[in-house]
Amino acid sequence: MSENIATHVQLVESESRPMGVRLVNTYRTNRTTDSMDLVSLAQSIQKADEFVRANAVNKLQVIAEQIRYLQEQARTVLQDSKRDNDLHHAACNFKKVPGHIYYLYRRPSGQIYFSLLTPEVRALSNLSIVLTRCAIFLAHLT
C-alpha cells in the first residue's frame, strides 16, 4: 500500500493568464536568476538607502532652521520683557497719562527715572544720560 504513495511532489501548473487575466510577468517569475540581477538589486538598495538618508538629513535641516528661528524669537521676547520690566520699575514722581510722551534718564548713581523734560532742556544740567523717549499708550496706569 505504501507503494501507491507518490514519491515526488507535484507542483501547480504554471498558467500565464489564469481566468484570462495576466497577473505577473511569467518570464521574470519563472526564469532562473543570473548574478547581474543580484548586483542591480544591491545597487537599487544602495540608492534607496541614500535617498532615505538624504530625506532624513533634509528634514533635520528644516527642524534645525525652525529651532534657530524659535531661539531668536525667544531672545526677542526676553529682551522685550526685560525692557518692559525696567520701564515699569523706573522711578516716577508724577502720574503717567496715556498718550503723553515721557523721557527715560539714568543718573550717575544708576537710578533710572521718567521725566517730562526733553533731552535738550535736561542737557543743560549734565546730570543724567538720556536712555529713550517713551509714549505711554496703556489705558490704565498706576
N, C-alpha and C. Protein backbone atom coordinates (compact mmCIF):
# COMPACT_ATOMS: atom_id res chain seq x y z
N MET A 1 0.80 -1.17 0.00
CA MET A 1 0.00 0.00 0.00
C MET A 1 0.85 1.25 0.00
N SER A 2 1.96 1.20 0.65
CA SER A 2 2.86 2.34 0.65
C SER A 2 3.49 2.55 -0.71
N GLU A 3 3.44 1.55 -1.55
CA GLU A 3 4.00 1.70 -2.89
C GLU A 3 3.13 2.59 -3.76
N ASN A 4 1.87 2.74 -3.44
CA ASN A 4 0.97 3.58 -4.23
C ASN A 4 1.13 5.08 -3.93
N ILE A 5 1.81 5.43 -2.84
CA ILE A 5 2.02 6.84 -2.47
C ILE A 5 3.02 7.44 -3.45
N ALA A 6 2.72 8.60 -3.94
CA ALA A 6 3.60 9.27 -4.89
C ALA A 6 4.92 9.60 -4.23
N THR A 7 6.00 9.40 -4.93
CA THR A 7 7.33 9.65 -4.38
C THR A 7 7.84 11.03 -4.73
N HIS A 8 7.11 11.78 -5.48
CA HIS A 8 7.56 13.15 -5.77
C HIS A 8 6.38 14.12 -5.60
N VAL A 9 6.71 15.37 -5.41
CA VAL A 9 5.71 16.39 -5.16
C VAL A 9 5.30 16.99 -6.49
N GLN A 10 4.03 17.13 -6.68
CA GLN A 10 3.54 17.76 -7.90
C GLN A 10 3.32 19.25 -7.65
N LEU A 11 3.83 20.05 -8.54
CA LEU A 11 3.64 21.50 -8.45
C LEU A 11 2.41 21.91 -9.23
N VAL A 12 1.85 23.03 -8.85
CA VAL A 12 0.71 23.57 -9.56
C VAL A 12 1.18 23.99 -10.95
N GLU A 13 0.38 23.68 -11.93
CA GLU A 13 0.75 24.04 -13.29
C GLU A 13 0.87 25.55 -13.42
N SER A 14 1.86 25.96 -14.19
CA SER A 14 2.07 27.38 -14.44
C SER A 14 1.12 27.83 -15.53
N GLU A 15 0.36 28.86 -15.22
CA GLU A 15 -0.58 29.38 -16.21
C GLU A 15 -0.34 30.88 -16.31
N SER A 16 -0.02 31.36 -17.50
CA SER A 16 0.33 32.77 -17.66
C SER A 16 -0.88 33.69 -17.56
N ARG A 17 -2.08 33.19 -17.87
CA ARG A 17 -3.29 34.02 -17.81
C ARG A 17 -4.41 33.24 -17.13
N PRO A 18 -4.38 33.17 -15.78
CA PRO A 18 -5.47 32.48 -15.11
C PRO A 18 -6.77 33.25 -15.30
N MET A 19 -7.79 32.56 -15.74
CA MET A 19 -9.10 33.14 -16.00
C MET A 19 -9.02 34.32 -16.96
N GLY A 20 -8.02 34.28 -17.86
CA GLY A 20 -7.88 35.30 -18.89
C GLY A 20 -7.19 36.57 -18.45
N VAL A 21 -6.71 36.65 -17.20
CA VAL A 21 -6.08 37.87 -16.69
C VAL A 21 -4.60 37.58 -16.43
N ARG A 22 -3.74 38.45 -16.96
CA ARG A 22 -2.31 38.28 -16.72
C ARG A 22 -1.96 38.95 -15.40
N LEU A 23 -1.52 38.19 -14.40
CA LEU A 23 -1.25 38.73 -13.07
C LEU A 23 0.20 39.17 -12.91
N VAL A 24 1.10 38.36 -13.42
CA VAL A 24 2.53 38.67 -13.27
C VAL A 24 3.22 38.39 -14.59
N ASN A 25 4.41 38.90 -14.70
CA ASN A 25 5.24 38.62 -15.86
C ASN A 25 5.87 37.26 -15.64
N THR A 26 5.41 36.27 -16.33
CA THR A 26 5.90 34.90 -16.10
C THR A 26 7.36 34.76 -16.50
N TYR A 27 7.82 35.58 -17.42
CA TYR A 27 9.23 35.50 -17.79
C TYR A 27 10.10 35.85 -16.59
N ARG A 28 9.71 36.90 -15.85
CA ARG A 28 10.52 37.35 -14.71
C ARG A 28 10.33 36.43 -13.50
N THR A 29 9.19 35.80 -13.36
CA THR A 29 8.95 34.96 -12.18
C THR A 29 9.42 33.52 -12.37
N ASN A 30 9.47 33.06 -13.60
CA ASN A 30 9.81 31.65 -13.82
C ASN A 30 11.23 31.43 -14.32
N ARG A 31 11.99 32.46 -14.60
CA ARG A 31 13.33 32.25 -15.11
C ARG A 31 14.32 32.15 -13.96
N THR A 32 15.42 31.55 -14.24
CA THR A 32 16.48 31.47 -13.24
C THR A 32 17.23 32.79 -13.24
N THR A 33 17.68 33.21 -12.07
CA THR A 33 18.35 34.49 -11.95
C THR A 33 19.82 34.36 -12.29
N ASP A 34 20.36 35.44 -12.78
CA ASP A 34 21.79 35.46 -13.01
C ASP A 34 22.44 36.40 -12.00
N SER A 35 23.74 36.42 -11.97
CA SER A 35 24.45 37.19 -10.95
C SER A 35 24.28 38.69 -11.16
N MET A 36 24.00 39.14 -12.35
CA MET A 36 23.82 40.56 -12.60
C MET A 36 22.55 41.09 -11.93
N ASP A 37 21.54 40.23 -11.78
CA ASP A 37 20.33 40.65 -11.08
C ASP A 37 20.63 40.98 -9.62
N LEU A 38 21.51 40.22 -9.01
CA LEU A 38 21.89 40.49 -7.62
C LEU A 38 22.64 41.82 -7.51
N VAL A 39 23.48 42.10 -8.50
CA VAL A 39 24.22 43.36 -8.49
C VAL A 39 23.25 44.53 -8.66
N SER A 40 22.32 44.41 -9.60
CA SER A 40 21.37 45.50 -9.79
C SER A 40 20.46 45.66 -8.57
N LEU A 41 20.12 44.57 -7.92
CA LEU A 41 19.32 44.64 -6.70
C LEU A 41 20.10 45.36 -5.60
N ALA A 42 21.38 45.03 -5.47
CA ALA A 42 22.21 45.69 -4.46
C ALA A 42 22.34 47.18 -4.77
N GLN A 43 22.47 47.53 -6.05
CA GLN A 43 22.56 48.94 -6.42
C GLN A 43 21.26 49.69 -6.12
N SER A 44 20.14 49.05 -6.40
CA SER A 44 18.87 49.72 -6.11
C SER A 44 18.67 49.87 -4.60
N ILE A 45 19.11 48.89 -3.81
CA ILE A 45 19.02 49.02 -2.35
C ILE A 45 19.92 50.14 -1.86
N GLN A 46 21.11 50.26 -2.45
CA GLN A 46 22.03 51.32 -2.06
C GLN A 46 21.43 52.69 -2.41
N LYS A 47 20.83 52.81 -3.57
CA LYS A 47 20.19 54.08 -3.96
C LYS A 47 19.04 54.41 -3.02
N ALA A 48 18.28 53.40 -2.65
CA ALA A 48 17.17 53.63 -1.72
C ALA A 48 17.70 54.09 -0.36
N ASP A 49 18.79 53.48 0.11
CA ASP A 49 19.40 53.89 1.38
C ASP A 49 19.87 55.34 1.29
N GLU A 50 20.49 55.72 0.17
CA GLU A 50 20.96 57.09 0.00
C GLU A 50 19.79 58.07 -0.02
N PHE A 51 18.70 57.68 -0.66
CA PHE A 51 17.52 58.54 -0.71
C PHE A 51 16.93 58.73 0.69
N VAL A 52 16.82 57.65 1.43
CA VAL A 52 16.27 57.73 2.79
C VAL A 52 17.17 58.60 3.66
N ARG A 53 18.48 58.43 3.53
CA ARG A 53 19.43 59.22 4.32
C ARG A 53 19.31 60.71 3.94
N ALA A 54 19.27 61.01 2.64
CA ALA A 54 19.15 62.40 2.20
C ALA A 54 17.83 63.01 2.66
N ASN A 55 16.77 62.25 2.61
CA ASN A 55 15.46 62.73 3.05
C ASN A 55 15.50 63.05 4.55
N ALA A 56 16.11 62.18 5.33
CA ALA A 56 16.21 62.42 6.77
C ALA A 56 17.06 63.65 7.07
N VAL A 57 18.17 63.81 6.34
CA VAL A 57 19.03 64.98 6.54
C VAL A 57 18.28 66.26 6.20
N ASN A 58 17.53 66.25 5.12
CA ASN A 58 16.76 67.44 4.74
C ASN A 58 15.72 67.80 5.81
N LYS A 59 15.05 66.80 6.34
CA LYS A 59 14.05 67.06 7.39
C LYS A 59 14.73 67.60 8.64
N LEU A 60 15.89 67.06 8.99
CA LEU A 60 16.61 67.54 10.17
C LEU A 60 17.10 68.96 9.96
N GLN A 61 17.50 69.32 8.74
CA GLN A 61 17.92 70.69 8.46
C GLN A 61 16.76 71.66 8.62
N VAL A 62 15.59 71.26 8.18
CA VAL A 62 14.39 72.11 8.35
C VAL A 62 14.10 72.30 9.84
N ILE A 63 14.20 71.23 10.60
CA ILE A 63 13.96 71.32 12.05
C ILE A 63 15.00 72.23 12.70
N ALA A 64 16.27 72.11 12.28
CA ALA A 64 17.33 72.96 12.84
C ALA A 64 17.06 74.44 12.54
N GLU A 65 16.60 74.74 11.32
CA GLU A 65 16.26 76.12 10.98
C GLU A 65 15.09 76.61 11.83
N GLN A 66 14.11 75.76 12.06
CA GLN A 66 12.97 76.15 12.90
C GLN A 66 13.42 76.40 14.33
N ILE A 67 14.36 75.59 14.82
CA ILE A 67 14.88 75.79 16.19
C ILE A 67 15.61 77.12 16.28
N ARG A 68 16.45 77.45 15.26
CA ARG A 68 17.15 78.74 15.28
C ARG A 68 16.16 79.90 15.27
N TYR A 69 15.10 79.77 14.46
CA TYR A 69 14.09 80.82 14.40
C TYR A 69 13.39 80.98 15.74
N LEU A 70 13.04 79.87 16.37
CA LEU A 70 12.38 79.92 17.69
C LEU A 70 13.31 80.48 18.75
N GLN A 71 14.61 80.16 18.67
CA GLN A 71 15.56 80.72 19.63
C GLN A 71 15.63 82.24 19.49
N GLU A 72 15.63 82.72 18.24
CA GLU A 72 15.67 84.16 18.01
C GLU A 72 14.39 84.82 18.54
N GLN A 73 13.26 84.18 18.33
CA GLN A 73 12.01 84.72 18.87
C GLN A 73 12.05 84.74 20.40
N ALA A 74 12.59 83.70 21.01
CA ALA A 74 12.69 83.64 22.47
C ALA A 74 13.60 84.77 22.98
N ARG A 75 14.72 85.02 22.28
CA ARG A 75 15.60 86.12 22.68
C ARG A 75 14.87 87.46 22.60
N THR A 76 14.08 87.65 21.54
CA THR A 76 13.33 88.89 21.38
C THR A 76 12.30 89.05 22.49
N VAL A 77 11.60 87.97 22.83
CA VAL A 77 10.60 88.03 23.90
C VAL A 77 11.28 88.36 25.23
N LEU A 78 12.42 87.75 25.50
CA LEU A 78 13.13 88.02 26.76
C LEU A 78 13.64 89.46 26.81
N GLN A 79 14.16 89.98 25.69
CA GLN A 79 14.63 91.37 25.66
C GLN A 79 13.46 92.33 25.85
N ASP A 80 12.35 92.05 25.19
CA ASP A 80 11.18 92.92 25.34
C ASP A 80 10.65 92.89 26.77
N SER A 81 10.61 91.71 27.37
CA SER A 81 10.10 91.62 28.74
C SER A 81 11.05 92.31 29.72
N LYS A 82 12.36 92.23 29.47
CA LYS A 82 13.32 92.93 30.34
C LYS A 82 13.14 94.44 30.20
N ARG A 83 12.99 94.91 28.97
CA ARG A 83 12.76 96.34 28.75
C ARG A 83 11.48 96.80 29.42
N ASP A 84 10.40 96.02 29.24
CA ASP A 84 9.12 96.38 29.85
C ASP A 84 9.22 96.37 31.37
N ASN A 85 9.92 95.41 31.91
CA ASN A 85 10.11 95.34 33.37
C ASN A 85 10.89 96.55 33.87
N ASP A 86 11.94 96.92 33.13
CA ASP A 86 12.72 98.10 33.51
C ASP A 86 11.86 99.36 33.46
N LEU A 87 11.01 99.47 32.44
CA LEU A 87 10.15 100.65 32.33
C LEU A 87 9.13 100.70 33.47
N HIS A 88 8.59 99.56 33.84
CA HIS A 88 7.59 99.53 34.92
C HIS A 88 8.21 99.79 36.28
N HIS A 89 9.51 99.54 36.42
CA HIS A 89 10.16 99.77 37.71
C HIS A 89 10.95 101.08 37.75
N ALA A 90 10.89 101.86 36.68
CA ALA A 90 11.59 103.15 36.67
C ALA A 90 10.90 104.11 37.65
N ALA A 91 11.71 104.90 38.33
CA ALA A 91 11.18 105.88 39.28
C ALA A 91 10.38 106.94 38.53
N CYS A 92 9.34 107.42 39.19
CA CYS A 92 8.48 108.42 38.56
C CYS A 92 7.79 109.22 39.66
N ASN A 93 7.92 110.56 39.61
CA ASN A 93 7.33 111.42 40.63
C ASN A 93 6.04 112.09 40.16
N PHE A 94 5.43 111.58 39.12
CA PHE A 94 4.18 112.14 38.64
C PHE A 94 3.30 111.01 38.12
N LYS A 95 2.04 111.34 37.87
CA LYS A 95 1.11 110.34 37.36
C LYS A 95 1.28 110.26 35.84
N LYS A 96 1.54 109.07 35.34
CA LYS A 96 1.70 108.88 33.90
C LYS A 96 0.32 108.85 33.25
N VAL A 97 0.17 109.61 32.20
CA VAL A 97 -1.10 109.72 31.50
C VAL A 97 -0.94 109.11 30.11
N PRO A 98 -1.85 108.23 29.73
CA PRO A 98 -1.77 107.64 28.39
C PRO A 98 -1.81 108.71 27.30
N GLY A 99 -0.95 108.53 26.29
CA GLY A 99 -0.91 109.46 25.18
C GLY A 99 0.16 110.52 25.31
N HIS A 100 0.72 110.72 26.50
CA HIS A 100 1.79 111.70 26.69
C HIS A 100 3.15 111.07 26.42
N ILE A 101 4.11 111.93 26.14
CA ILE A 101 5.48 111.46 25.88
C ILE A 101 6.33 111.78 27.10
N TYR A 102 7.09 110.78 27.52
CA TYR A 102 7.99 110.93 28.66
C TYR A 102 9.39 110.51 28.22
N TYR A 103 10.37 110.94 28.98
CA TYR A 103 11.76 110.65 28.66
C TYR A 103 12.37 109.85 29.80
N LEU A 104 13.14 108.87 29.42
CA LEU A 104 13.77 107.99 30.40
C LEU A 104 15.23 108.38 30.53
N TYR A 105 15.66 108.60 31.78
CA TYR A 105 17.04 109.02 32.05
C TYR A 105 17.68 108.07 33.05
N ARG A 106 19.01 108.14 33.07
CA ARG A 106 19.77 107.40 34.09
C ARG A 106 20.72 108.38 34.78
N ARG A 107 20.63 108.38 36.09
CA ARG A 107 21.52 109.23 36.89
C ARG A 107 22.90 108.57 36.98
N PRO A 108 23.92 109.32 37.32
CA PRO A 108 25.25 108.73 37.51
C PRO A 108 25.26 107.62 38.57
N SER A 109 24.31 107.66 39.48
CA SER A 109 24.22 106.62 40.52
C SER A 109 23.65 105.32 39.96
N GLY A 110 23.06 105.38 38.73
CA GLY A 110 22.47 104.18 38.13
C GLY A 110 20.96 104.17 38.19
N GLN A 111 20.35 105.08 38.93
CA GLN A 111 18.90 105.11 39.03
C GLN A 111 18.29 105.50 37.69
N ILE A 112 17.25 104.77 37.30
CA ILE A 112 16.52 105.06 36.06
C ILE A 112 15.21 105.72 36.45
N TYR A 113 14.86 106.81 35.75
CA TYR A 113 13.64 107.52 36.11
C TYR A 113 13.01 108.17 34.89
N PHE A 114 11.69 108.42 34.98
CA PHE A 114 10.94 109.13 33.94
C PHE A 114 10.98 110.62 34.25
N SER A 115 10.97 111.41 33.16
CA SER A 115 10.92 112.85 33.32
C SER A 115 10.06 113.44 32.20
N LEU A 116 9.50 114.61 32.45
CA LEU A 116 8.74 115.33 31.43
C LEU A 116 9.67 116.23 30.60
N LEU A 117 10.86 116.48 31.11
CA LEU A 117 11.79 117.38 30.44
C LEU A 117 12.43 116.71 29.23
N THR A 118 12.53 117.46 28.15
CA THR A 118 13.14 116.95 26.92
C THR A 118 14.65 116.83 27.11
N PRO A 119 15.31 116.05 26.29
CA PRO A 119 16.77 115.92 26.40
C PRO A 119 17.49 117.27 26.22
N GLU A 120 16.92 118.17 25.40
CA GLU A 120 17.56 119.46 25.19
C GLU A 120 17.57 120.28 26.48
N VAL A 121 16.47 120.29 27.20
CA VAL A 121 16.39 121.01 28.47
C VAL A 121 17.24 120.31 29.52
N ARG A 122 17.16 119.00 29.56
CA ARG A 122 17.88 118.21 30.55
C ARG A 122 19.40 118.31 30.32
N ALA A 123 19.84 118.52 29.09
CA ALA A 123 21.27 118.59 28.77
C ALA A 123 21.94 119.76 29.46
N LEU A 124 21.18 120.79 29.80
CA LEU A 124 21.75 121.94 30.48
C LEU A 124 22.29 121.56 31.85
N SER A 125 21.71 120.56 32.49
CA SER A 125 22.14 120.19 33.84
C SER A 125 23.29 119.20 33.83
N ASN A 126 23.47 118.44 32.74
CA ASN A 126 24.52 117.43 32.62
C ASN A 126 24.53 116.43 33.77
N LEU A 127 23.37 116.19 34.37
CA LEU A 127 23.30 115.28 35.50
C LEU A 127 22.86 113.87 35.10
N SER A 128 22.22 113.73 33.95
CA SER A 128 21.65 112.44 33.60
C SER A 128 21.95 112.10 32.14
N ILE A 129 21.92 110.82 31.84
CA ILE A 129 22.11 110.32 30.48
C ILE A 129 20.73 109.95 29.93
N VAL A 130 20.43 110.39 28.72
CA VAL A 130 19.15 110.08 28.09
C VAL A 130 19.17 108.62 27.64
N LEU A 131 18.16 107.87 28.05
CA LEU A 131 18.06 106.48 27.62
C LEU A 131 17.12 106.34 26.44
N THR A 132 15.93 106.88 26.54
CA THR A 132 14.96 106.74 25.45
C THR A 132 13.80 107.70 25.65
N ARG A 133 13.00 107.82 24.61
CA ARG A 133 11.77 108.60 24.66
C ARG A 133 10.63 107.59 24.63
N CYS A 134 9.66 107.75 25.51
CA CYS A 134 8.57 106.79 25.63
C CYS A 134 7.23 107.48 25.45
N ALA A 135 6.34 106.81 24.77
CA ALA A 135 4.95 107.26 24.69
C ALA A 135 4.13 106.23 25.44
N ILE A 136 3.32 106.68 26.36
CA ILE A 136 2.51 105.78 27.17
C ILE A 136 1.17 105.57 26.46
N PHE A 137 0.87 104.32 26.14
CA PHE A 137 -0.36 104.00 25.41
C PHE A 137 -1.35 103.22 26.26
N LEU A 138 -0.98 102.82 27.42
CA LEU A 138 -1.87 101.99 28.24
C LEU A 138 -3.05 102.81 28.72
N ALA A 139 -4.17 102.17 28.83
CA ALA A 139 -5.38 102.86 29.26
C ALA A 139 -5.38 103.11 30.76
N HIS A 140 -4.82 102.18 31.54
CA HIS A 140 -4.84 102.31 32.99
C HIS A 140 -3.42 102.14 33.51
N LEU A 141 -2.91 103.18 34.16
CA LEU A 141 -1.59 103.11 34.79
C LEU A 141 -1.73 103.48 36.24
N THR A 142 -0.88 102.89 37.06
CA THR A 142 -0.90 103.26 38.46
C THR A 142 0.41 103.87 38.84
